């Protein structure tokens, strides 16, 4: 009887030890991961032709161009010109002073030149090609002393974003 009681007691003790041991040594740990992403932004713009037509020999001749930016939503931009004044050239290549006609570029809404970022066309993109357009004006100098012929120029604008 003693052996039977001893076996029963050992079995009960073993069960108690195992159940308390599992709870005593159980543990948990956690960690985290870092997640990052980027959305690339872009900008472009369109500009209508600046057509002076027949230049005046007695005064200046204005012409306009409409600049329409298209930038990723939330992206700030500035459109500027490399120079405040550009030059129409006789047949597109004249080096003669009498074959050059200067035309400063200004913002129609502020009369400021486009030659600096402070006066450039600025805004924040909406993600649509129908963003607010800005009109710029070129004012060709008098053609009083200029040679007759076809004059042209290519104006480079830069959009910075």
C-alpha atoms as a PDB file:
ATOM      1  CA  UNK A   1       0.000   0.000   0.000  1.00  0.00           C
ATOM      2  CA  UNK A   2       2.856   2.268   0.664  1.00  0.00           C
ATOM      3  CA  UNK A   3       4.188   1.818  -2.855  1.00  0.00           C
ATOM      4  CA  UNK A   4       0.788   2.535  -4.357  1.00  0.00           C
ATOM      5  CA  UNK A   5       0.410   5.702  -2.265  1.00  0.00           C
ATOM      6  CA  UNK A   6       3.958   6.667  -3.094  1.00  0.00           C
ATOM      7  CA  UNK A   7       3.310   6.249  -6.832  1.00  0.00           C
ATOM      8  CA  UNK A   8       0.105   8.284  -6.600  1.00  0.00           C
ATOM      9  CA  UNK A   9       1.869  11.002  -4.650  1.00  0.00           C
ATOM     10  CA  UNK A  10       4.759  11.118  -7.150  1.00  0.00           C
ATOM     11  CA  UNK A  11       2.336  11.315 -10.049  1.00  0.00           C
ATOM     12  CA  UNK A  12       0.429  14.196  -8.458  1.00  0.00           C
ATOM     13  CA  UNK A  13       3.651  16.013  -7.565  1.00  0.00           C
ATOM     14  CA  UNK A  14       4.982  15.564 -11.098  1.00  0.00           C
ATOM     15  CA  UNK A  15       1.775  16.977 -12.595  1.00  0.00           C
ATOM     16  CA  UNK A  16       1.929  19.974 -10.270  1.00  0.00           C
ATOM     17  CA  UNK A  17       5.588  20.618 -11.080  1.00  0.00           C
ATOM     18  CA  UNK A  18       5.020  20.386 -14.820  1.00  0.00           C
ATOM     19  CA  UNK A  19       2.060  22.751 -14.774  1.00  0.00           C
ATOM     20  CA  UNK A  20       3.871  25.317 -12.610  1.00  0.00           C
ATOM     21  CA  UNK A  21       7.078  24.973 -14.631  1.00  0.00           C
ATOM     22  CA  UNK A  22       5.367  25.788 -17.948  1.00  0.00           C
ATOM     23  CA  UNK A  23       3.814  28.955 -16.541  1.00  0.00           C
ATOM     24  CA  UNK A  24       6.974  30.043 -14.798  1.00  0.00           C
ATOM     25  CA  UNK A  25       9.232  29.899 -17.878  1.00  0.00           C
ATOM     26  CA  UNK A  26       6.790  31.197 -20.543  1.00  0.00           C
ATOM     27  CA  UNK A  27       7.948  34.495 -22.139  1.00  0.00           C
ATOM     28  CA  UNK A  28       7.118  36.761 -25.101  1.00  0.00           C
ATOM     29  CA  UNK A  29       9.022  39.397 -27.012  1.00  0.00           C
ATOM     30  CA  UNK A  30       8.039  41.819 -29.757  1.00  0.00           C
ATOM     31  CA  UNK A  31       9.841  43.996 -32.251  1.00  0.00           C
ATOM     32  CA  UNK A  32       8.996  46.324 -35.089  1.00  0.00           C
ATOM     33  CA  UNK A  33      10.020  47.016 -38.656  1.00  0.00           C
ATOM     34  CA  UNK A  34      10.475  50.387 -40.303  1.00  0.00           C
ATOM     35  CA  UNK A  35       8.462  51.036 -43.456  1.00  0.00           C
ATOM     36  CA  UNK A  36       9.169  53.942 -45.829  1.00  0.00           C
ATOM     37  CA  UNK A  37       7.946  55.039 -49.247  1.00  0.00           C
ATOM     38  CA  UNK A  38       8.301  57.945 -51.662  1.00  0.00           C
ATOM     39  CA  UNK A  39       6.070  59.329 -54.378  1.00  0.00           C
ATOM     40  CA  UNK A  40       8.002  60.961 -57.202  1.00  0.00           C
ATOM     41  CA  UNK A  41       6.709  64.327 -58.328  1.00  0.00           C
ATOM     42  CA  UNK A  42       7.027  65.883 -61.759  1.00  0.00           C
ATOM     43  CA  UNK A  43       6.199  69.110 -63.534  1.00  0.00           C
ATOM     44  CA  UNK A  44       5.847  70.281 -67.094  1.00  0.00           C
ATOM     45  CA  UNK A  45       4.221  73.246 -68.784  1.00  0.00           C
ATOM     46  CA  UNK A  46       2.861  74.365 -72.107  1.00  0.00           C
ATOM     47  CA  UNK A  47       3.248  77.798 -73.650  1.00  0.00           C
ATOM     48  CA  UNK A  48       1.339  79.336 -76.513  1.00  0.00           C
ATOM     49  CA  UNK A  49       3.253  81.034 -79.331  1.00  0.00           C
ATOM     50  CA  UNK A  50       4.142  84.714 -78.868  1.00  0.00           C
ATOM     51  CA  UNK A  51       3.184  86.270 -82.207  1.00  0.00           C
ATOM     52  CA  UNK A  52       4.090  89.934 -82.723  1.00  0.00           C
ATOM     53  CA  UNK A  53       2.763  90.166 -86.273  1.00  0.00           C
ATOM     54  CA  UNK A  54       3.977  93.248 -88.165  1.00  0.00           C
ATOM     55  CA  UNK A  55       6.187  95.380 -85.913  1.00  0.00           C
ATOM     56  CA  UNK A  56       5.631  99.085 -85.580  1.00  0.00           C
ATOM     57  CA  UNK A  57       8.306 101.431 -86.936  1.00  0.00           C
ATOM     58  CA  UNK A  58       7.091 104.228 -84.664  1.00  0.00           C
ATOM     59  CA  UNK A  59       6.656 102.493 -81.305  1.00  0.00           C
ATOM     60  CA  UNK A  60       6.697  99.219 -79.420  1.00  0.00           C
ATOM     61  CA  UNK A  61       4.622  96.162 -80.287  1.00  0.00           C
ATOM     62  CA  UNK A  62       3.319  93.834 -77.544  1.00  0.00           C
ATOM     63  CA  UNK A  63       2.519  90.130 -77.841  1.00  0.00           C
ATOM     64  CA  UNK A  64       1.461  87.576 -75.257  1.00  0.00           C
ATOM     65  CA  UNK A  65       1.940  83.913 -74.444  1.00  0.00           C
ATOM     66  CA  UNK A  66      -0.057  81.851 -71.986  1.00  0.00           C
ATOM     67  CA  UNK A  67       1.954  79.547 -69.702  1.00  0.00           C
ATOM     68  CA  UNK A  68       0.058  76.586 -68.225  1.00  0.00           C
ATOM     69  CA  UNK A  69       1.867  74.385 -65.682  1.00  0.00           C
ATOM     70  CA  UNK A  70       0.978  70.749 -64.961  1.00  0.00           C
ATOM     71  CA  UNK A  71       2.552  69.462 -61.736  1.00  0.00           C
ATOM     72  CA  UNK A  72       1.978  66.577 -59.361  1.00  0.00           C
ATOM     73  CA  UNK A  73      -0.547  67.496 -56.669  1.00  0.00           C
ATOM     74  CA  UNK A  74       1.084  69.339 -53.765  1.00  0.00           C
ATOM     75  CA  UNK A  75       4.376  69.990 -55.603  1.00  0.00           C
ATOM     76  CA  UNK A  76       5.584  73.612 -55.568  1.00  0.00           C
ATOM     77  CA  UNK A  77       7.070  75.060 -58.773  1.00  0.00           C
ATOM     78  CA  UNK A  78       8.595  78.232 -60.230  1.00  0.00           C
ATOM     79  CA  UNK A  79       8.829  79.063 -63.960  1.00  0.00           C
ATOM     80  CA  UNK A  80      11.523  81.547 -64.980  1.00  0.00           C
ATOM     81  CA  UNK A  81      13.298  82.826 -68.070  1.00  0.00           C
ATOM     82  CA  UNK A  82      17.089  82.728 -68.412  1.00  0.00           C
ATOM     83  CA  UNK A  83      17.080  86.423 -69.368  1.00  0.00           C
ATOM     84  CA  UNK A  84      14.796  89.392 -68.752  1.00  0.00           C
ATOM     85  CA  UNK A  85      15.140  90.444 -72.381  1.00  0.00           C
ATOM     86  CA  UNK A  86      15.343  88.182 -75.394  1.00  0.00           C
ATOM     87  CA  UNK A  87      16.079  89.142 -78.967  1.00  0.00           C
ATOM     88  CA  UNK A  88      14.272  88.628 -82.255  1.00  0.00           C
ATOM     89  CA  UNK A  89      16.822  87.960 -84.973  1.00  0.00           C
ATOM     90  CA  UNK A  90      16.468  88.700 -88.683  1.00  0.00           C
ATOM     91  CA  UNK A  91      16.070  85.309 -90.398  1.00  0.00           C
ATOM     92  CA  UNK A  92      16.771  83.754 -86.992  1.00  0.00           C
ATOM     93  CA  UNK A  93      20.563  84.303 -87.247  1.00  0.00           C
ATOM     94  CA  UNK A  94      21.408  88.020 -87.567  1.00  0.00           C
ATOM     95  CA  UNK A  95      24.493  89.352 -85.788  1.00  0.00           C
ATOM     96  CA  UNK A  96      23.877  92.870 -87.124  1.00  0.00           C
ATOM     97  CA  UNK A  97      22.414  95.386 -84.693  1.00  0.00           C
ATOM     98  CA  UNK A  98      19.982  96.463 -87.397  1.00  0.00           C
ATOM     99  CA  UNK A  99      18.822  92.828 -87.605  1.00  0.00           C
ATOM    100  CA  UNK A 100      18.012  92.457 -83.898  1.00  0.00           C
ATOM    101  CA  UNK A 101      14.917  93.537 -81.997  1.00  0.00           C
ATOM    102  CA  UNK A 102      14.844  93.213 -78.211  1.00  0.00           C
ATOM    103  CA  UNK A 103      11.689  92.204 -76.371  1.00  0.00           C
ATOM    104  CA  UNK A 104      11.582  92.056 -72.576  1.00  0.00           C
ATOM    105  CA  UNK A 105       9.372  89.375 -71.018  1.00  0.00           C
ATOM    106  CA  UNK A 106       7.104  90.399 -68.173  1.00  0.00           C
ATOM    107  CA  UNK A 107       4.252  88.867 -66.252  1.00  0.00           C
ATOM    108  CA  UNK A 108       1.057  90.515 -67.407  1.00  0.00           C
ATOM    109  CA  UNK A 109      -0.447  90.345 -63.905  1.00  0.00           C
ATOM    110  CA  UNK A 110       2.502  92.010 -62.090  1.00  0.00           C
ATOM    111  CA  UNK A 111       4.620  93.667 -64.831  1.00  0.00           C
ATOM    112  CA  UNK A 112       7.649  91.922 -63.269  1.00  0.00           C
ATOM    113  CA  UNK A 113      10.290  90.322 -65.475  1.00  0.00           C
ATOM    114  CA  UNK A 114      10.613  86.547 -65.495  1.00  0.00           C
ATOM    115  CA  UNK A 115      14.397  86.625 -65.095  1.00  0.00           C
ATOM    116  CA  UNK A 116      14.480  85.703 -61.398  1.00  0.00           C
ATOM    117  CA  UNK A 117      12.753  83.177 -59.191  1.00  0.00           C
ATOM    118  CA  UNK A 118      11.394  86.069 -57.111  1.00  0.00           C
ATOM    119  CA  UNK A 119       9.383  87.234 -60.141  1.00  0.00           C
ATOM    120  CA  UNK A 120       8.797  83.845 -61.732  1.00  0.00           C
ATOM    121  CA  UNK A 121       5.477  82.118 -62.137  1.00  0.00           C
ATOM    122  CA  UNK A 122       4.952  80.192 -58.915  1.00  0.00           C
ATOM    123  CA  UNK A 123       2.321  77.831 -57.628  1.00  0.00           C
ATOM    124  CA  UNK A 124       1.512  74.458 -56.142  1.00  0.00           C
ATOM    125  CA  UNK A 125       0.534  71.614 -58.423  1.00  0.00           C
ATOM    126  CA  UNK A 126      -2.987  70.235 -58.492  1.00  0.00           C
ATOM    127  CA  UNK A 127      -2.185  67.198 -60.607  1.00  0.00           C
ATOM    128  CA  UNK A 128      -4.192  68.595 -63.509  1.00  0.00           C
ATOM    129  CA  UNK A 129      -3.280  70.188 -66.827  1.00  0.00           C
ATOM    130  CA  UNK A 130      -5.959  72.780 -66.113  1.00  0.00           C
ATOM    131  CA  UNK A 131      -3.956  74.541 -63.403  1.00  0.00           C
ATOM    132  CA  UNK A 132      -4.014  78.328 -63.260  1.00  0.00           C
ATOM    133  CA  UNK A 133      -2.441  79.794 -66.367  1.00  0.00           C
ATOM    134  CA  UNK A 134      -0.334  82.947 -66.388  1.00  0.00           C
ATOM    135  CA  UNK A 135       0.012  85.297 -69.319  1.00  0.00           C
ATOM    136  CA  UNK A 136       3.397  86.795 -70.116  1.00  0.00           C
ATOM    137  CA  UNK A 137       3.948  89.775 -72.382  1.00  0.00           C
ATOM    138  CA  UNK A 138       6.821  90.449 -74.720  1.00  0.00           C
ATOM    139  CA  UNK A 139       7.180  94.027 -75.888  1.00  0.00           C
ATOM    140  CA  UNK A 140       9.198  94.364 -79.089  1.00  0.00           C
ATOM    141  CA  UNK A 141      11.194  97.557 -79.432  1.00  0.00           C
ATOM    142  CA  UNK A 142      10.467  99.926 -82.289  1.00  0.00           C
ATOM    143  CA  UNK A 143      11.482  98.604 -85.697  1.00  0.00           C
ATOM    144  CA  UNK A 144      12.268 102.144 -86.924  1.00  0.00           C
ATOM    145  CA  UNK A 145      15.924 101.449 -87.836  1.00  0.00           C
ATOM    146  CA  UNK A 146      15.649  97.701 -88.440  1.00  0.00           C
ATOM    147  CA  UNK A 147      16.128  95.821 -91.689  1.00  0.00           C
ATOM    148  CA  UNK A 148      13.042  94.447 -93.415  1.00  0.00           C
ATOM    149  CA  UNK A 149      12.551  90.704 -93.211  1.00  0.00           C
ATOM    150  CA  UNK A 150      11.325  87.838 -91.037  1.00  0.00           C
ATOM    151  CA  UNK A 151      12.463  87.918 -87.406  1.00  0.00           C
ATOM    152  CA  UNK A 152      12.258  85.034 -84.950  1.00  0.00           C
ATOM    153  CA  UNK A 153      13.482  83.922 -81.551  1.00  0.00           C
ATOM    154  CA  UNK A 154      13.396  80.904 -79.304  1.00  0.00           C
ATOM    155  CA  UNK A 155      12.746  81.660 -75.643  1.00  0.00           C
ATOM    156  CA  UNK A 156      13.815  79.115 -73.055  1.00  0.00           C
ATOM    157  CA  UNK A 157      11.748  78.922 -69.880  1.00  0.00           C
ATOM    158  CA  UNK A 158      12.717  76.687 -66.984  1.00  0.00           C
ATOM    159  CA  UNK A 159      10.393  75.069 -64.461  1.00  0.00           C
ATOM    160  CA  UNK A 160      12.015  74.295 -61.115  1.00  0.00           C
ATOM    161  CA  UNK A 161      10.235  71.997 -58.669  1.00  0.00           C
END
